[in-house]
C-alpha atoms as a PDB file:
ATOM      1  CA  MET A   1      10.877  66.795 126.704  1.00  0.00           C
ATOM      2  CA  LYS A   2      11.734  63.179 127.415  1.00  0.00           C
ATOM      3  CA  PRO A   3      12.974  60.854 124.656  1.00  0.00           C
ATOM      4  CA  ALA A   4       9.744  58.854 124.827  1.00  0.00           C
ATOM      5  CA  GLU A   5       7.866  61.986 123.720  1.00  0.00           C
ATOM      6  CA  TYR A   6       9.991  62.628 120.624  1.00  0.00           C
ATOM      7  CA  ASP A   7       8.257  62.491 117.245  1.00  0.00           C
ATOM      8  CA  PHE A   8      10.497  59.837 115.742  1.00  0.00           C
ATOM      9  CA  VAL A   9       8.527  59.646 112.486  1.00  0.00           C
ATOM     10  CA  ALA A  10       8.875  63.386 111.894  1.00  0.00           C
ATOM     11  CA  ALA A  11      12.573  63.267 112.773  1.00  0.00           C
ATOM     12  CA  ARG A  12      13.214  60.408 110.371  1.00  0.00           C
ATOM     13  CA  ARG A  13      11.286  62.115 107.586  1.00  0.00           C
ATOM     14  CA  ARG A  14      13.260  65.301 108.156  1.00  0.00           C
ATOM     15  CA  LEU A  15      16.492  63.361 107.865  1.00  0.00           C
ATOM     16  CA  GLU A  16      15.412  61.471 104.755  1.00  0.00           C
ATOM     17  CA  ALA A  17      14.177  64.671 103.089  1.00  0.00           C
ATOM     18  CA  LYS A  18      17.580  66.351 103.464  1.00  0.00           C
ATOM     19  CA  PRO A  19      19.018  67.173 100.013  1.00  0.00           C
ATOM     20  CA  LYS A  20      22.067  65.056  99.213  1.00  0.00           C
ATOM     21  CA  SER A  21      24.914  66.566  97.233  1.00  0.00           C
ATOM     22  CA  ALA A  22      27.977  65.098  95.535  1.00  0.00           C
ATOM     23  CA  ALA A  23      29.487  68.542  94.939  1.00  0.00           C
ATOM     24  CA  GLU A  24      32.590  69.997  96.582  1.00  0.00           C
ATOM     25  CA  LYS A  25      31.998  70.830 100.257  1.00  0.00           C
ATOM     26  CA  LEU A  26      34.979  73.028 101.172  1.00  0.00           C
ATOM     27  CA  THR A  27      34.033  76.231 102.966  1.00  0.00           C
ATOM     28  CA  SER A  28      35.023  78.426 105.943  1.00  0.00           C
ATOM     29  CA  LEU A  29      34.392  77.881 109.648  1.00  0.00           C
ATOM     30  CA  GLU A  30      32.062  80.881 109.682  1.00  0.00           C
ATOM     31  CA  ASP A  31      29.989  79.565 106.778  1.00  0.00           C
ATOM     32  CA  ALA A  32      29.811  76.071 108.259  1.00  0.00           C
ATOM     33  CA  VAL A  33      28.627  77.237 111.691  1.00  0.00           C
ATOM     34  CA  ALA A  34      26.109  79.629 110.121  1.00  0.00           C
ATOM     35  CA  ARG A  35      24.067  76.478 109.372  1.00  0.00           C
ATOM     36  CA  ILE A  36      23.462  75.991 113.109  1.00  0.00           C
ATOM     37  CA  LYS A  37      20.320  77.743 114.310  1.00  0.00           C
ATOM     38  CA  ASP A  38      19.094  78.735 117.764  1.00  0.00           C
ATOM     39  CA  GLY A  39      17.345  75.790 119.388  1.00  0.00           C
ATOM     40  CA  ASP A  40      19.159  73.111 117.364  1.00  0.00           C
ATOM     41  CA  HIS A  41      20.200  69.758 118.792  1.00  0.00           C
ATOM     42  CA  VAL A  42      23.955  69.536 118.221  1.00  0.00           C
ATOM     43  CA  ALA A  43      25.769  66.191 118.442  1.00  0.00           C
ATOM     44  CA  VAL A  44      29.548  66.161 118.844  1.00  0.00           C
ATOM     45  CA  GLY A  45      31.844  63.420 117.580  1.00  0.00           C
ATOM     46  CA  GLY A  46      35.003  62.029 119.118  1.00  0.00           C
ATOM     47  CA  CYS A  47      35.144  61.055 122.780  1.00  0.00           C
ATOM     48  CA  LEU A  48      36.352  63.032 125.797  1.00  0.00           C
ATOM     49  CA  PHE A  49      39.481  64.811 124.539  1.00  0.00           C
ATOM     50  CA  SER A  50      39.869  62.567 121.474  1.00  0.00           C
ATOM     51  CA  ARG A  51      39.106  64.381 118.202  1.00  0.00           C
ATOM     52  CA  THR A  52      36.874  66.967 119.826  1.00  0.00           C
ATOM     53  CA  PRO A  53      35.935  69.393 116.995  1.00  0.00           C
ATOM     54  CA  MET A  54      37.293  72.360 118.929  1.00  0.00           C
ATOM     55  CA  ALA A  55      37.558  74.711 115.940  1.00  0.00           C
ATOM     56  CA  LEU A  56      33.839  74.239 115.219  1.00  0.00           C
ATOM     57  CA  VAL A  57      32.930  74.535 118.918  1.00  0.00           C
ATOM     58  CA  ARG A  58      34.959  77.713 119.197  1.00  0.00           C
ATOM     59  CA  GLU A  59      33.232  79.227 116.159  1.00  0.00           C
ATOM     60  CA  LEU A  60      29.843  78.155 117.522  1.00  0.00           C
ATOM     61  CA  LEU A  61      30.578  79.977 120.769  1.00  0.00           C
ATOM     62  CA  ARG A  62      31.605  83.092 118.846  1.00  0.00           C
ATOM     63  CA  ALA A  63      28.314  82.922 116.920  1.00  0.00           C
ATOM     64  CA  ARG A  64      26.406  83.279 120.255  1.00  0.00           C
ATOM     65  CA  ARG A  65      23.748  80.667 119.526  1.00  0.00           C
ATOM     66  CA  ARG A  66      21.106  80.060 122.199  1.00  0.00           C
ATOM     67  CA  GLY A  67      18.692  77.335 123.275  1.00  0.00           C
ATOM     68  CA  LEU A  68      20.860  74.451 122.033  1.00  0.00           C
ATOM     69  CA  THR A  69      20.800  70.823 123.109  1.00  0.00           C
ATOM     70  CA  LEU A  70      24.225  69.174 123.222  1.00  0.00           C
ATOM     71  CA  SER A  71      24.698  65.409 122.935  1.00  0.00           C
ATOM     72  CA  ARG A  72      27.933  63.438 123.111  1.00  0.00           C
ATOM     73  CA  ASN A  73      28.922  60.013 124.411  1.00  0.00           C
ATOM     74  CA  LEU A  74      31.506  61.258 126.935  1.00  0.00           C
ATOM     75  CA  THR A  75      31.390  65.049 127.071  1.00  0.00           C
ATOM     76  CA  CYS A  76      34.514  67.123 127.722  1.00  0.00           C
ATOM     77  CA  THR A  77      35.405  70.804 128.070  1.00  0.00           C
ATOM     78  CA  GLU A  78      33.153  71.789 125.154  1.00  0.00           C
ATOM     79  CA  GLY A  79      30.116  71.065 127.337  1.00  0.00           C
ATOM     80  CA  GLU A  80      31.370  73.375 130.072  1.00  0.00           C
ATOM     81  CA  PHE A  81      32.161  76.113 127.534  1.00  0.00           C
ATOM     82  CA  LEU A  82      28.662  75.982 126.064  1.00  0.00           C
ATOM     83  CA  MET A  83      26.949  75.999 129.460  1.00  0.00           C
ATOM     84  CA  VAL A  84      28.895  78.965 130.807  1.00  0.00           C
ATOM     85  CA  ALA A  85      28.352  80.843 127.539  1.00  0.00           C
ATOM     86  CA  GLY A  86      24.591  80.363 127.914  1.00  0.00           C
ATOM     87  CA  ALA A  87      24.351  78.447 124.643  1.00  0.00           C
ATOM     88  CA  VAL A  88      22.820  75.165 125.848  1.00  0.00           C
ATOM     89  CA  GLU A  89      19.630  74.335 127.723  1.00  0.00           C
ATOM     90  CA  ARG A  90      19.962  70.536 127.737  1.00  0.00           C
ATOM     91  CA  ILE A  91      22.864  68.060 127.876  1.00  0.00           C
ATOM     92  CA  VAL A  92      22.434  64.463 126.661  1.00  0.00           C
ATOM     93  CA  THR A  93      25.433  62.361 127.686  1.00  0.00           C
ATOM     94  CA  ALA A  94      26.793  59.433 129.663  1.00  0.00           C
ATOM     95  CA  TRP A  95      29.464  61.422 131.526  1.00  0.00           C
ATOM     96  CA  MET A  96      31.095  64.867 131.574  1.00  0.00           C
ATOM     97  CA  SER A  97      34.753  65.293 132.497  1.00  0.00           C
ATOM     98  CA  ILE A  98      38.110  65.731 130.806  1.00  0.00           C
ATOM     99  CA  GLY A  99      39.201  62.427 132.329  1.00  0.00           C
ATOM    100  CA  LEU A 100      39.761  60.722 135.663  1.00  0.00           C
ATOM    101  CA  PRO A 101      42.784  62.827 136.756  1.00  0.00           C
ATOM    102  CA  TRP A 102      40.593  65.955 136.679  1.00  0.00           C
ATOM    103  CA  GLY A 103      37.453  64.526 138.249  1.00  0.00           C
ATOM    104  CA  VAL A 104      33.794  64.853 137.270  1.00  0.00           C
ATOM    105  CA  SER A 105      32.675  68.246 135.983  1.00  0.00           C
ATOM    106  CA  LYS A 106      31.873  70.729 138.751  1.00  0.00           C
ATOM    107  CA  ILE A 107      30.392  73.034 136.126  1.00  0.00           C
ATOM    108  CA  LEU A 108      27.807  70.442 135.064  1.00  0.00           C
ATOM    109  CA  ARG A 109      26.766  69.865 138.662  1.00  0.00           C
ATOM    110  CA  HIS A 110      26.394  73.607 139.267  1.00  0.00           C
ATOM    111  CA  PHE A 111      24.286  74.256 136.167  1.00  0.00           C
ATOM    112  CA  VAL A 112      22.077  71.187 136.588  1.00  0.00           C
ATOM    113  CA  GLU A 113      21.477  71.596 140.330  1.00  0.00           C
ATOM    114  CA  SER A 114      20.657  75.284 139.844  1.00  0.00           C
ATOM    115  CA  GLY A 115      18.102  74.370 137.179  1.00  0.00           C
ATOM    116  CA  ARG A 116      19.807  76.325 134.414  1.00  0.00           C
ATOM    117  CA  VAL A 117      20.547  73.220 132.315  1.00  0.00           C
ATOM    118  CA  ALA A 118      18.601  69.962 132.032  1.00  0.00           C
ATOM    119  CA  LEU A 119      20.613  66.737 132.091  1.00  0.00           C
ATOM    120  CA  GLU A 120      19.462  63.660 130.201  1.00  0.00           C
ATOM    121  CA  GLU A 121      21.758  60.832 131.311  1.00  0.00           C
ATOM    122  CA  TRP A 122      22.266  57.526 129.513  1.00  0.00           C
ATOM    123  CA  SER A 123      24.738  54.687 129.716  1.00  0.00           C
ATOM    124  CA  HIS A 124      27.567  54.931 127.198  1.00  0.00           C
ATOM    125  CA  LEU A 125      26.217  51.914 125.330  1.00  0.00           C
ATOM    126  CA  ALA A 126      22.642  53.189 125.303  1.00  0.00           C
ATOM    127  CA  LEU A 127      23.658  56.545 123.857  1.00  0.00           C
ATOM    128  CA  GLY A 128      25.584  54.757 121.129  1.00  0.00           C
ATOM    129  CA  LEU A 129      22.517  52.645 120.378  1.00  0.00           C
ATOM    130  CA  ARG A 130      20.409  55.802 120.151  1.00  0.00           C
ATOM    131  CA  PHE A 131      22.658  57.172 117.408  1.00  0.00           C
ATOM    132  CA  ARG A 132      22.776  53.729 115.759  1.00  0.00           C
ATOM    133  CA  ALA A 133      18.973  53.506 115.665  1.00  0.00           C
ATOM    134  CA  ALA A 134      18.723  56.937 114.062  1.00  0.00           C
ATOM    135  CA  ALA A 135      21.438  56.032 111.551  1.00  0.00           C
ATOM    136  CA  MET A 136      19.373  52.968 110.635  1.00  0.00           C
ATOM    137  CA  GLY A 137      16.195  55.039 110.397  1.00  0.00           C
ATOM    138  CA  VAL A 138      14.289  53.046 113.023  1.00  0.00           C
ATOM    139  CA  PRO A 139      12.488  54.479 116.090  1.00  0.00           C
ATOM    140  CA  PHE A 140      14.307  52.287 118.642  1.00  0.00           C
ATOM    141  CA  LEU A 141      16.615  49.335 119.148  1.00  0.00           C
ATOM    142  CA  PRO A 142      15.952  46.516 121.661  1.00  0.00           C
ATOM    143  CA  ALA A 143      18.759  45.956 124.161  1.00  0.00           C
ATOM    144  CA  LEU A 144      19.548  44.781 127.679  1.00  0.00           C
ATOM    145  CA  THR A 145      21.455  47.937 128.670  1.00  0.00           C
ATOM    146  CA  MET A 146      20.114  50.048 131.578  1.00  0.00           C
ATOM    147  CA  LEU A 147      17.429  47.527 132.618  1.00  0.00           C
ATOM    148  CA  GLY A 148      17.108  47.809 136.389  1.00  0.00           C
ATOM    149  CA  SER A 149      18.817  51.218 136.387  1.00  0.00           C
ATOM    150  CA  ASP A 150      17.030  54.274 137.769  1.00  0.00           C
ATOM    151  CA  LEU A 151      18.136  55.988 134.565  1.00  0.00           C
ATOM    152  CA  MET A 152      15.206  54.218 132.893  1.00  0.00           C
ATOM    153  CA  ALA A 153      12.754  56.515 134.647  1.00  0.00           C
ATOM    154  CA  VAL A 154      14.915  59.629 134.432  1.00  0.00           C
ATOM    155  CA  GLY A 155      15.402  59.366 130.674  1.00  0.00           C
ATOM    156  CA  GLY A 156      11.918  58.145 129.895  1.00  0.00           C
ATOM    157  CA  MET A 157      13.072  54.940 128.207  1.00  0.00           C
ATOM    158  CA  LYS A 158      10.454  52.195 127.858  1.00  0.00           C
ATOM    159  CA  SER A 159      10.758  48.430 128.140  1.00  0.00           C
ATOM    160  CA  LEU A 160       9.111  45.777 125.996  1.00  0.00           C
ATOM    161  CA  GLN A 161       8.621  42.029 125.944  1.00  0.00           C
ATOM    162  CA  ASP A 162      10.380  40.050 123.222  1.00  0.00           C
ATOM    163  CA  PRO A 163       7.509  38.321 121.359  1.00  0.00           C
ATOM    164  CA  TYR A 164       9.702  35.286 120.613  1.00  0.00           C
ATOM    165  CA  THR A 165      11.469  34.636 123.922  1.00  0.00           C
ATOM    166  CA  GLY A 166       9.315  36.535 126.416  1.00  0.00           C
ATOM    167  CA  GLU A 167      12.439  38.309 127.685  1.00  0.00           C
ATOM    168  CA  THR A 168      12.144  41.900 128.915  1.00  0.00           C
ATOM    169  CA  LEU A 169      14.180  44.309 126.800  1.00  0.00           C
ATOM    170  CA  ALA A 170      14.873  48.032 126.840  1.00  0.00           C
ATOM    171  CA  ALA A 171      13.537  49.958 123.842  1.00  0.00           C
ATOM    172  CA  VAL A 172      16.422  52.393 123.326  1.00  0.00           C
ATOM    173  CA  PRO A 173      14.940  55.366 121.419  1.00  0.00           C
ATOM    174  CA  ALA A 174      16.605  56.786 118.317  1.00  0.00           C
ATOM    175  CA  LEU A 175      18.373  60.136 118.595  1.00  0.00           C
ATOM    176  CA  PHE A 176      18.106  62.382 115.523  1.00  0.00           C
ATOM    177  CA  PRO A 177      20.325  65.484 115.986  1.00  0.00           C
ATOM    178  CA  ASP A 178      19.790  68.567 113.868  1.00  0.00           C
ATOM    179  CA  VAL A 179      23.546  69.065 113.437  1.00  0.00           C
ATOM    180  CA  ALA A 180      26.665  66.916 113.820  1.00  0.00           C
ATOM    181  CA  LEU A 181      30.081  68.467 114.543  1.00  0.00           C
ATOM    182  CA  LEU A 182      32.965  66.142 113.612  1.00  0.00           C
ATOM    183  CA  HIS A 183      36.735  66.306 113.277  1.00  0.00           C
ATOM    184  CA  VAL A 184      38.557  63.816 111.042  1.00  0.00           C
ATOM    185  CA  HIS A 185      42.094  63.060 109.929  1.00  0.00           C
ATOM    186  CA  ARG A 186      41.627  63.621 106.219  1.00  0.00           C
ATOM    187  CA  ALA A 187      39.005  64.219 103.559  1.00  0.00           C
ATOM    188  CA  ASP A 188      38.769  65.007  99.878  1.00  0.00           C
ATOM    189  CA  VAL A 189      36.984  68.138  98.651  1.00  0.00           C
ATOM    190  CA  PHE A 190      33.760  66.154  98.242  1.00  0.00           C
ATOM    191  CA  GLY A 191      33.641  65.360 101.963  1.00  0.00           C
ATOM    192  CA  ASN A 192      34.672  61.700 101.942  1.00  0.00           C
ATOM    193  CA  CYS A 193      36.210  61.479 105.417  1.00  0.00           C
ATOM    194  CA  GLN A 194      38.763  59.097 106.870  1.00  0.00           C
ATOM    195  CA  ILE A 195      39.566  58.542 110.532  1.00  0.00           C
ATOM    196  CA  ASP A 196      42.684  56.847 111.869  1.00  0.00           C
ATOM    197  CA  GLY A 197      42.379  54.912 115.088  1.00  0.00           C
ATOM    198  CA  TYR A 198      39.119  54.361 116.921  1.00  0.00           C
ATOM    199  CA  PRO A 199      36.193  56.092 115.140  1.00  0.00           C
ATOM    200  CA  HIS A 200      34.017  56.280 118.283  1.00  0.00           C
ATOM    201  CA  MET A 201      30.353  56.977 117.316  1.00  0.00           C
ATOM    202  CA  ASP A 202      31.140  59.384 114.477  1.00  0.00           C
ATOM    203  CA  ALA A 203      29.800  57.271 111.607  1.00  0.00           C
ATOM    204  CA  ASP A 204      26.412  56.813 113.266  1.00  0.00           C
ATOM    205  CA  ILE A 205      26.226  60.444 114.376  1.00  0.00           C
ATOM    206  CA  ALA A 206      26.876  61.572 110.799  1.00  0.00           C
ATOM    207  CA  ARG A 207      24.117  59.341 109.442  1.00  0.00           C
ATOM    208  CA  ALA A 208      21.688  60.320 112.200  1.00  0.00           C
ATOM    209  CA  ALA A 209      22.057  64.100 111.833  1.00  0.00           C
ATOM    210  CA  ALA A 210      20.210  66.270 109.322  1.00  0.00           C
ATOM    211  CA  THR A 211      23.251  68.548 108.828  1.00  0.00           C
ATOM    212  CA  VAL A 212      26.867  67.364 109.061  1.00  0.00           C
ATOM    213  CA  LEU A 213      29.741  69.822 109.595  1.00  0.00           C
ATOM    214  CA  VAL A 214      33.295  68.475 109.428  1.00  0.00           C
ATOM    215  CA  THR A 215      36.774  69.842 110.013  1.00  0.00           C
ATOM    216  CA  ALA A 216      39.753  67.909 108.654  1.00  0.00           C
ATOM    217  CA  GLU A 217      43.435  67.940 109.496  1.00  0.00           C
ATOM    218  CA  GLU A 218      44.271  67.416 105.839  1.00  0.00           C
ATOM    219  CA  ILE A 219      42.557  67.766 102.464  1.00  0.00           C
ATOM    220  CA  VAL A 220      43.843  65.098 100.087  1.00  0.00           C
ATOM    221  CA  PRO A 221      43.191  64.240  96.420  1.00  0.00           C
ATOM    222  CA  GLU A 222      40.204  62.065  95.643  1.00  0.00           C
ATOM    223  CA  GLU A 223      42.594  59.427  94.300  1.00  0.00           C
ATOM    224  CA  GLU A 224      44.210  59.071  97.729  1.00  0.00           C
ATOM    225  CA  ILE A 225      40.821  58.421  99.326  1.00  0.00           C
ATOM    226  CA  ARG A 226      40.109  55.765  96.693  1.00  0.00           C
ATOM    227  CA  LEU A 227      43.355  53.924  97.542  1.00  0.00           C
ATOM    228  CA  HIS A 228      42.015  53.046 101.009  1.00  0.00           C
ATOM    229  CA  PRO A 229      38.203  52.924 100.780  1.00  0.00           C
ATOM    230  CA  ASP A 230      38.030  50.874 103.983  1.00  0.00           C
ATOM    231  CA  ARG A 231      39.190  53.944 105.924  1.00  0.00           C
ATOM    232  CA  THR A 232      36.366  56.153 104.640  1.00  0.00           C
ATOM    233  CA  VAL A 233      34.174  56.227 107.728  1.00  0.00           C
ATOM    234  CA  ILE A 234      31.902  59.055 106.507  1.00  0.00           C
ATOM    235  CA  PRO A 235      30.821  59.222 102.842  1.00  0.00           C
ATOM    236  CA  GLY A 236      30.833  62.617 101.186  1.00  0.00           C
ATOM    237  CA  PHE A 237      27.179  62.656 100.192  1.00  0.00           C
ATOM    238  CA  ILE A 238      26.056  63.027 103.811  1.00  0.00           C
ATOM    239  CA  VAL A 239      28.496  65.895 104.554  1.00  0.00           C
ATOM    240  CA  ASP A 240      27.152  69.437 104.198  1.00  0.00           C
ATOM    241  CA  ALA A 241      30.232  71.520 104.955  1.00  0.00           C
ATOM    242  CA  LEU A 242      33.943  70.696 105.166  1.00  0.00           C
ATOM    243  CA  VAL A 243      36.658  72.988 106.526  1.00  0.00           C
ATOM    244  CA  HIS A 244      40.408  72.444 106.350  1.00  0.00           C
ATOM    245  CA  VAL A 245      41.647  73.105 109.906  1.00  0.00           C
ATOM    246  CA  PRO A 246      45.049  71.707 110.931  1.00  0.00           C
ATOM    247  CA  TYR A 247      45.137  71.300 114.719  1.00  0.00           C
ATOM    248  CA  GLY A 248      41.349  71.501 114.598  1.00  0.00           C
ATOM    249  CA  SER A 249      41.028  69.526 117.848  1.00  0.00           C
ATOM    250  CA  TYR A 250      43.897  71.135 119.789  1.00  0.00           C
ATOM    251  CA  PRO A 251      44.561  71.212 122.772  1.00  0.00           C
ATOM    252  CA  HIS A 252      42.656  67.930 122.612  1.00  0.00           C
ATOM    253  CA  GLU A 253      44.266  65.101 120.659  1.00  0.00           C
ATOM    254  CA  CYS A 254      44.006  63.784 117.121  1.00  0.00           C
ATOM    255  CA  TYR A 255      45.311  60.216 117.101  1.00  0.00           C
ATOM    256  CA  GLY A 256      48.703  59.876 115.448  1.00  0.00           C
ATOM    257  CA  VAL A 257      48.846  63.557 114.472  1.00  0.00           C
ATOM    258  CA  TYR A 258      49.215  65.354 117.810  1.00  0.00           C
ATOM    259  CA  ASP A 259      48.720  64.523 121.475  1.00  0.00           C
ATOM    260  CA  ALA A 260      46.609  66.345 124.070  1.00  0.00           C
ATOM    261  CA  GLU A 261      47.917  68.893 126.583  1.00  0.00           C
ATOM    262  CA  PRO A 262      47.384  67.580 130.143  1.00  0.00           C
ATOM    263  CA  ASP A 263      49.105  70.584 131.729  1.00  0.00           C
ATOM    264  CA  HIS A 264      46.741  72.918 129.886  1.00  0.00           C
ATOM    265  CA  PHE A 265      43.762  70.937 131.167  1.00  0.00           C
ATOM    266  CA  SER A 266      45.130  71.045 134.713  1.00  0.00           C
ATOM    267  CA  ALA A 267      45.487  74.837 134.553  1.00  0.00           C
ATOM    268  CA  TYR A 268      41.931  75.087 133.221  1.00  0.00           C
ATOM    269  CA  VAL A 269      40.554  72.935 136.063  1.00  0.00           C
ATOM    270  CA  ASP A 270      42.577  74.939 138.604  1.00  0.00           C
ATOM    271  CA  GLY A 271      40.753  78.031 137.353  1.00  0.00           C
ATOM    272  CA  ILE A 272      37.414  76.309 138.009  1.00  0.00           C
ATOM    273  CA  THR A 273      38.545  75.229 141.483  1.00  0.00           C
ATOM    274  CA  GLU A 274      39.488  78.807 142.300  1.00  0.00           C
ATOM    275  CA  ARG A 275      36.621  80.702 140.639  1.00  0.00           C
ATOM    276  CA  GLY A 276      33.934  78.238 139.558  1.00  0.00           C
ATOM    277  CA  ALA A 277      32.087  79.201 136.380  1.00  0.00           C
ATOM    278  CA  ALA A 278      33.955  82.509 136.355  1.00  0.00           C
ATOM    279  CA  GLY A 279      37.127  80.509 135.715  1.00  0.00           C
ATOM    280  CA  VAL A 280      35.553  79.080 132.565  1.00  0.00           C
ATOM    281  CA  GLN A 281      34.445  82.575 131.517  1.00  0.00           C
ATOM    282  CA  ASP A 282      38.037  83.780 131.899  1.00  0.00           C
ATOM    283  CA  TYR A 283      39.131  80.915 129.665  1.00  0.00           C
ATOM    284  CA  LEU A 284      36.531  81.810 127.048  1.00  0.00           C
ATOM    285  CA  GLU A 285      37.621  85.428 126.990  1.00  0.00           C
ATOM    286  CA  ARG A 286      41.228  84.406 126.405  1.00  0.00           C
ATOM    287  CA  TYR A 287      40.867  81.454 124.035  1.00  0.00           C
ATOM    288  CA  VAL A 288      37.503  81.924 122.293  1.00  0.00           C
ATOM    289  CA  TYR A 289      36.372  85.540 122.138  1.00  0.00           C
ATOM    290  CA  GLY A 290      39.844  87.100 122.038  1.00  0.00           C
ATOM    291  CA  PRO A 291      41.434  85.435 118.963  1.00  0.00           C
ATOM    292  CA  ALA A 292      39.460  86.365 115.836  1.00  0.00           C
ATOM    293  CA  ILE A 293      40.626  83.422 113.735  1.00  0.00           C
ATOM    294  CA  HIS A 294      41.889  79.894 114.388  1.00  0.00           C
ATOM    295  CA  ALA A 295      45.493  80.825 113.576  1.00  0.00           C
ATOM    296  CA  GLU A 296      45.431  83.485 116.291  1.00  0.00           C
ATOM    297  CA  TYR A 297      43.986  80.919 118.703  1.00  0.00           C
ATOM    298  CA  LEU A 298      46.851  78.485 117.973  1.00  0.00           C
ATOM    299  CA  ALA A 299      49.364  81.312 118.375  1.00  0.00           C
ATOM    300  CA  LEU A 300      48.357  81.559 122.039  1.00  0.00           C
ATOM    301  CA  PHE A 301      49.934  78.124 122.554  1.00  0.00           C
ATOM    302  CA  GLY A 302      53.049  78.820 120.465  1.00  0.00           C
ATOM    303  CA  ASP A 303      54.870  76.916 117.746  1.00  0.00           C
ATOM    304  CA  ALA A 304      57.026  75.009 120.233  1.00  0.00           C
ATOM    305  CA  ALA A 305      53.987  73.567 122.025  1.00  0.00           C
ATOM    306  CA  LEU A 306      52.355  72.547 118.747  1.00  0.00           C
ATOM    307  CA  ALA A 307      55.563  70.890 117.540  1.00  0.00           C
ATOM    308  CA  ASP A 308      55.934  69.000 120.809  1.00  0.00           C
ATOM    309  CA  ALA A 309      52.299  67.825 120.648  1.00  0.00           C
ATOM    310  CA  SER A 310      52.942  66.590 117.099  1.00  0.00           C
ATOM    311  CA  ARG A 311      56.064  64.722 118.207  1.00  0.00           C
ATOM    312  CA  ARG A 312      54.211  63.028 121.044  1.00  0.00           C
ATOM    313  CA  GLY A 313      51.316  62.156 118.736  1.00  0.00           C
ATOM    314  CA  ARG A 314      53.620  60.488 116.199  1.00  0.00           C
ATOM    315  CA  GLU A 315      55.287  58.462 118.953  1.00  0.00           C
ATOM    316  CA  LEU A 316      51.985  56.648 119.470  1.00  0.00           C
ATOM    317  CA  VAL A 317      52.071  55.193 115.970  1.00  0.00           C
ATOM    318  CA  THR A 318      55.810  54.674 115.344  1.00  0.00           C
END
């Protein structure tokens, strides 16, 4: 289904009809991920290896969901995990890779060219505008991005004429995910979430999605949140489930708290170079399906590695 065929009115009504709650949101990873159903459209916050909600992704993989659509601005290892696990049928993104040193995803190319996964490709700006339109509750936003690109035809985006200036504009369609997966620096028990550093598209994704699942490095008193209201990127009333998960993005990075693990990524990519998708499956067996809980997953890296990542992360802000 192309974006132009989406029922934007139905999607907006579904979002607006979602019950809002001001109650406490704290729960477990298992309970949070249980809200994701087969066939859901799952949007992921952060960007590349910045604040990837790895604890939620890992639990989603363990739950063996099927028929999912995954959307993210710049998709990282989580996209490869979900493809190899057979969880996703469609990827909506601007790019998939860990970063330039590791090259563009070979796994994405394999799954798309073999017809096992559909790729819906947008510019980074256009994808952000799609989430912004949904957050605003409108069916599209007019923009100049992607005009003249062959992505216009691939994604099904339409153009329109500005009635005031006569200029041709792109009508960037809203994107209403069923579920948002986000990782934040801190939150209170009611789900008021704060993010240090660049917030990426997380605020719009949270407002666009019908169900919002969040992991937080730290749970703090409500009074602490009130001291810095300008840092509250995501208000609690739109959050459905909150889980306290220190190192919830590791081995990806959480700005100012811990840095990413480039050597770990290099070893992961080496496995793909040697064995293709089987290399990713080996990784899943070791880091996803093997450890039963998040603490056991972190133990595979060791306390020394976690402490060093924390030291490097603090160096960025001191």
